[in-house]
Protein backbone atom coordinates (compact mmCIF):
# COMPACT_ATOMS: atom_id res chain seq x y z
CA UNK A 1 85.44 81.53 33.00
CA UNK A 2 86.70 83.68 30.24
CA UNK A 3 89.70 82.08 28.54
CA UNK A 4 91.01 84.93 26.44
CA UNK A 5 89.92 86.97 26.74
CA UNK A 6 68.76 105.36 33.24
CA UNK A 7 67.95 107.92 34.64
CA UNK A 8 65.27 109.44 32.25
CA UNK A 9 64.67 107.05 29.21
CA UNK A 10 62.59 107.38 26.30
CA UNK A 11 59.98 104.21 26.17
CA UNK A 12 60.69 102.22 22.96
CA UNK A 13 60.05 98.59 23.06
CA UNK A 14 63.18 96.66 21.66
CA UNK A 15 64.38 93.46 20.55
CA UNK A 16 66.52 91.54 23.09
CA UNK A 17 69.40 89.89 20.85
CA UNK A 18 70.52 87.16 23.09
CA UNK A 19 72.34 84.96 21.11
CA UNK A 20 76.81 84.70 19.97
CA UNK A 21 81.01 80.14 17.60
CA UNK A 22 84.33 80.27 16.87
CA UNK A 23 85.35 76.63 16.05
CA UNK A 24 84.10 74.54 13.01
CA UNK A 25 83.86 71.57 15.38
CA UNK A 26 80.93 73.27 17.20
CA UNK A 27 77.53 72.34 15.68
CA UNK A 28 75.13 75.30 15.58
CA UNK A 29 72.26 72.93 15.00
CA UNK A 30 72.35 71.48 18.32
CA UNK A 31 71.65 75.01 19.91
CA UNK A 32 69.59 76.55 17.20
CA UNK A 33 66.37 76.14 18.79
CA UNK A 34 67.23 77.72 22.15
CA UNK A 35 69.33 80.48 20.44
CA UNK A 36 66.76 81.68 17.97
CA UNK A 37 64.17 82.22 20.91
CA UNK A 38 67.01 83.90 22.78
CA UNK A 39 67.71 86.09 19.87
CA UNK A 40 64.25 87.12 19.23
CA UNK A 41 63.45 87.65 22.94
CA UNK A 42 61.39 91.05 23.05
CA UNK A 43 62.03 93.66 25.69
CA UNK A 44 58.50 94.31 26.76
CA UNK A 45 58.39 97.72 28.30
CA UNK A 46 62.17 97.99 27.92
CA UNK A 47 63.45 101.69 27.64
CA UNK A 48 66.32 103.25 25.67
CA UNK A 49 68.85 105.65 27.19
CA UNK A 50 68.73 109.36 26.36
CA UNK A 51 72.23 109.99 25.19
CA UNK A 52 73.56 113.30 25.95
CA UNK A 53 72.99 115.56 22.71
CA UNK A 54 71.54 112.66 20.94
CA UNK A 55 68.03 111.17 20.06
CA UNK A 56 67.55 107.68 21.52
CA UNK A 57 68.29 104.72 19.15
CA UNK A 58 65.49 103.56 17.07
CA UNK A 59 66.88 100.25 15.86
CA UNK A 60 65.81 96.84 16.90
CA UNK A 61 69.11 95.82 18.71
CA UNK A 62 69.05 94.48 22.10
CA UNK A 63 68.68 96.31 25.28
CA UNK A 64 67.04 95.33 27.60
CA UNK A 65 76.68 78.82 37.85
CA UNK A 66 79.18 77.54 37.08
CA UNK A 67 82.82 78.81 37.25
CA UNK A 68 84.88 77.32 40.06
CA UNK A 69 86.15 80.41 42.05
CA UNK A 70 87.54 81.30 45.55
CA UNK A 71 87.42 84.40 47.60
CA UNK A 72 91.16 84.44 48.47
CA UNK A 73 92.78 87.89 48.94
CA UNK A 74 94.89 89.44 46.11
CA UNK A 75 96.38 92.91 45.51
CA UNK A 76 94.43 95.82 44.35
CA UNK A 77 93.41 95.65 40.61
CA UNK A 78 95.89 97.23 38.30
CA UNK A 79 94.30 100.40 36.80
CA UNK A 80 93.88 100.39 33.09
CA UNK A 81 93.59 103.64 31.28
CA UNK A 82 89.88 104.14 30.33
CA UNK A 83 88.84 104.15 26.83
CA UNK A 84 86.12 106.70 27.58
CA UNK A 85 87.03 108.90 30.64
CA UNK A 86 84.19 110.81 32.38
CA UNK A 87 81.42 108.77 30.56
CA UNK A 88 78.16 108.37 32.23
CA UNK A 89 78.07 104.96 34.09
CA UNK A 90 76.30 102.27 32.08
CA UNK A 91 74.31 101.24 35.19
CA UNK A 92 72.62 104.68 34.93
CA UNK A 93 71.40 104.08 31.37
CA UNK A 94 68.68 101.36 32.11
CA UNK A 95 65.09 102.68 33.22
CA UNK A 96 65.06 102.10 36.97
CA UNK A 97 61.36 100.93 36.80
CA UNK A 98 62.36 98.34 34.25
CA UNK A 99 65.24 97.19 36.38
CA UNK A 100 63.12 96.77 39.52
CA UNK A 101 60.29 95.02 37.55
CA UNK A 102 62.61 92.75 35.76
CA UNK A 103 64.75 92.06 38.83
CA UNK A 104 61.71 90.96 40.49
CA UNK A 105 60.58 88.62 37.63
CA UNK A 106 64.12 86.99 37.14
CA UNK A 107 65.83 87.16 40.40
CA UNK A 108 68.84 88.96 39.12
CA UNK A 109 70.10 91.34 41.51
CA UNK A 110 69.08 95.02 40.57
CA UNK A 111 72.61 96.33 40.70
CA UNK A 112 73.84 93.58 38.31
CA UNK A 113 70.93 93.84 35.95
CA UNK A 114 71.29 97.61 35.58
CA UNK A 115 74.84 97.02 34.63
CA UNK A 116 73.92 94.22 32.08
CA UNK A 117 71.23 96.60 30.47
CA UNK A 118 73.20 99.50 30.51
CA UNK A 119 76.13 97.86 28.78
CA UNK A 120 73.90 96.50 26.16
CA UNK A 121 72.79 100.02 25.50
CA UNK A 122 76.12 101.64 25.58
CA UNK A 123 77.72 98.88 23.10
CA UNK A 124 75.32 99.53 20.35
CA UNK A 125 77.13 102.98 19.83
CA UNK A 126 80.40 101.25 19.26
CA UNK A 127 78.95 98.14 17.53
CA UNK A 128 75.47 99.27 15.99
CA UNK A 129 75.12 96.01 14.12
CA UNK A 130 75.98 93.67 17.01
CA UNK A 131 72.50 93.31 18.52
CA UNK A 132 73.59 92.18 21.89
CA UNK A 133 70.92 91.58 24.41
CA UNK A 134 71.09 92.37 28.08
CA UNK A 135 70.03 88.71 28.65
CA UNK A 136 73.05 87.28 27.15
CA UNK A 137 75.29 89.57 29.59
CA UNK A 138 72.97 88.40 32.41
CA UNK A 139 73.36 84.48 31.35
CA UNK A 140 77.27 85.05 31.32
CA UNK A 141 76.98 86.71 34.81
CA UNK A 142 74.88 83.89 36.24
CA UNK A 143 77.20 81.11 34.80
CA UNK A 144 80.36 82.80 35.97
CA UNK A 145 79.52 84.06 39.31
CA UNK A 146 75.88 83.90 40.12
CA UNK A 147 75.86 87.77 39.40
CA UNK A 148 78.70 88.31 41.89
CA UNK A 149 77.09 86.26 44.82
CA UNK A 150 78.99 83.18 44.76
CA UNK A 151 80.20 82.05 47.98
CA UNK A 152 77.94 84.51 49.70
CA UNK A 153 79.56 87.60 48.16
CA UNK A 154 77.68 90.48 46.67
CA UNK A 155 77.87 93.56 44.36
CA UNK A 156 77.60 96.55 46.45
CA UNK A 157 75.87 99.80 45.54
CA UNK A 158 79.10 101.22 44.09
CA UNK A 159 79.00 98.11 41.48
CA UNK A 160 81.98 96.43 43.03
CA UNK A 161 81.88 92.70 43.89
CA UNK A 162 82.97 92.00 47.48
CA UNK A 163 84.76 89.65 48.50
CA UNK A 164 86.86 89.69 45.41
CA UNK A 165 85.94 86.75 43.06
CA UNK A 166 89.21 84.90 42.00
CA UNK A 167 88.98 81.64 40.16
CA UNK A 168 91.10 78.49 40.51
CA UNK A 169 94.55 78.49 39.14
CA UNK A 170 94.38 77.70 35.47
CA UNK A 171 97.09 74.98 35.77
CA UNK A 172 95.58 72.42 33.32
CA UNK A 173 94.19 70.27 36.01
CA UNK A 174 90.39 70.96 35.30
CA UNK A 175 90.79 73.72 32.84
CA UNK A 176 93.09 74.95 30.09
CA UNK A 177 96.58 75.62 31.28
CA UNK A 178 97.49 79.44 31.31
CA UNK A 179 100.65 80.49 32.81
CA UNK A 180 100.89 83.75 34.52
CA UNK A 181 100.62 86.76 32.35
CA UNK A 182 100.73 89.50 35.13
CA UNK A 183 103.22 88.71 37.73
CA UNK A 184 100.47 88.02 40.07
CA UNK A 185 99.55 91.78 40.24
CA UNK A 186 96.04 91.29 39.37
CA UNK A 187 95.26 87.62 40.60
CA UNK A 188 97.86 87.44 43.29
CA UNK A 189 99.17 84.18 41.58
CA UNK A 190 102.66 84.67 40.09
CA UNK A 191 102.67 81.08 38.66
CA UNK A 192 99.25 80.57 36.95
CA UNK A 193 96.62 83.01 35.76
CA UNK A 194 93.27 82.93 37.67
CA UNK A 195 89.97 84.36 36.24
CA UNK A 196 88.84 87.53 38.04
CA UNK A 197 85.63 89.49 38.91
CA UNK A 198 81.93 89.03 38.38
CA UNK A 199 82.42 88.18 34.62
CA UNK A 200 85.75 86.24 35.27
CA UNK A 201 88.35 87.67 32.84
CA UNK A 202 91.86 86.40 32.94
CA UNK A 203 94.49 89.09 33.63
CA UNK A 204 96.07 89.12 30.18
CA UNK A 205 92.67 89.79 28.56
CA UNK A 206 91.47 92.34 31.25
CA UNK A 207 94.87 94.31 30.81
CA UNK A 208 94.34 94.34 27.02
CA UNK A 209 90.60 94.83 26.68
CA UNK A 210 89.26 96.27 29.96
CA UNK A 211 86.75 99.07 29.55
CA UNK A 212 85.59 101.74 31.95
CA UNK A 213 81.88 101.44 32.35
CA UNK A 214 81.52 103.42 35.32
CA UNK A 215 83.20 106.61 34.22
CA UNK A 216 85.78 106.72 37.05
CA UNK A 217 88.70 106.84 34.50
CA UNK A 218 89.84 103.34 34.96
CA UNK A 219 88.84 99.66 34.29
CA UNK A 220 88.39 97.67 37.42
CA UNK A 221 87.69 94.02 36.87
CA UNK A 222 85.92 93.78 40.10
CA UNK A 223 83.45 96.44 38.93
CA UNK A 224 80.10 95.05 37.43
CA UNK A 225 79.78 98.10 35.36
CA UNK A 226 83.17 97.79 33.85
CA UNK A 227 83.14 93.94 33.61
CA UNK A 228 79.81 93.90 31.71
CA UNK A 229 80.80 96.68 29.27
CA UNK A 230 84.11 94.71 28.68
CA UNK A 231 82.10 91.51 28.04
CA UNK A 232 79.75 93.32 25.80
CA UNK A 233 82.49 94.78 23.65
CA UNK A 234 84.56 91.33 23.66
CA UNK A 235 81.31 89.48 22.50
CA UNK A 236 80.55 91.73 19.78
CA UNK A 237 84.02 91.86 18.31
CA UNK A 238 84.21 88.08 18.49
CA UNK A 239 80.75 87.39 17.07
CA UNK A 240 79.61 90.30 14.76
CA UNK A 241 75.71 90.11 14.27
CA UNK A 242 74.59 88.38 17.48
CA UNK A 243 71.17 88.09 16.25
CA UNK A 244 72.33 85.46 14.09
CA UNK A 245 72.42 82.14 16.05
CA UNK A 246 75.78 80.90 14.61
CA UNK A 247 77.39 84.21 15.36
CA UNK A 248 76.18 84.13 18.96
CA UNK A 249 77.57 80.70 19.29
CA UNK A 250 80.95 81.96 18.00
CA UNK A 251 81.00 84.87 20.39
CA UNK A 252 80.24 82.83 23.44
CA UNK A 253 82.76 80.19 22.26
CA UNK A 254 85.31 82.89 22.31
CA UNK A 255 84.51 83.75 25.75
CA UNK A 256 84.88 80.32 26.79
CA UNK A 257 85.59 77.39 24.28
CA UNK A 258 83.14 74.82 25.73
CA UNK A 259 80.16 73.22 24.27
CA UNK A 260 78.55 72.80 27.97
CA UNK A 261 79.22 76.50 28.63
CA UNK A 262 77.66 77.47 25.32
CA UNK A 263 74.56 75.36 26.19
CA UNK A 264 74.39 76.76 29.81
CA UNK A 265 74.60 80.46 28.63
CA UNK A 266 72.03 79.91 26.04
CA UNK A 267 69.67 78.27 28.38
CA UNK A 268 69.90 81.04 30.95
CA UNK A 269 69.67 83.76 28.23
CA UNK A 270 66.37 82.10 26.97
CA UNK A 271 65.02 81.73 30.47
CA UNK A 272 65.81 85.48 31.37
CA UNK A 273 63.99 86.65 28.16
CA UNK A 274 60.98 84.65 28.89
CA UNK A 275 60.80 85.66 32.35
CA UNK A 276 61.23 89.19 31.57
CA UNK A 277 58.03 89.21 29.21
């Protein structure tokens, strides 16, 4: 849980940088083995997007269960002004053949995988030195909500997770205590904040950092395109160069400050990279 917060593609095998620590207390050495593997995971057959009016990137940056949650109802998400209105949906950036093949190998739902891979592609334009891999985003999606399928839910063709994924009240009982920041507008709880959507953002973080990943002009925390792009931007800003293990740890720690969480994300990212081949 977050505590703060292709159509046509040009073939170009690339590096899957899967790895992101904020706290001095965290010992990077404990995770270094798995993270180095994840950071160097190669995208066999991965394809780069043809950005309108641009040549595809030629760098080696990456493309490509755990949070307690409930499905109780709550108000419609508060629209957040898009940072890039009218942009192409990130899910359209990943090569469909790669998505089908990799989804079959990893078990990640194709619609979610397309968003993870597309967000990794899109974010390199904003943070070209980040090196974020699709498998890091996929690992977070797995740990946070089983890619939107927790409690029998699913991500639809439109990219929206239904029913809504709303976490437990962050009242300090089994989590950090986070008092309400949105008057219950996003999460339906006027007393405590609750993490939201397939990537589990709290309202304050989403209102501040939410990105429009599907090009509809607003940031919707329940949309995997929007949530994946927001997570990608958050991780890159928190960690910097995520191909460096200590930086990867720092970024994931900023997303959720827990040693156990960091281990689980690292293990999932490593496993996805290995399965993708």
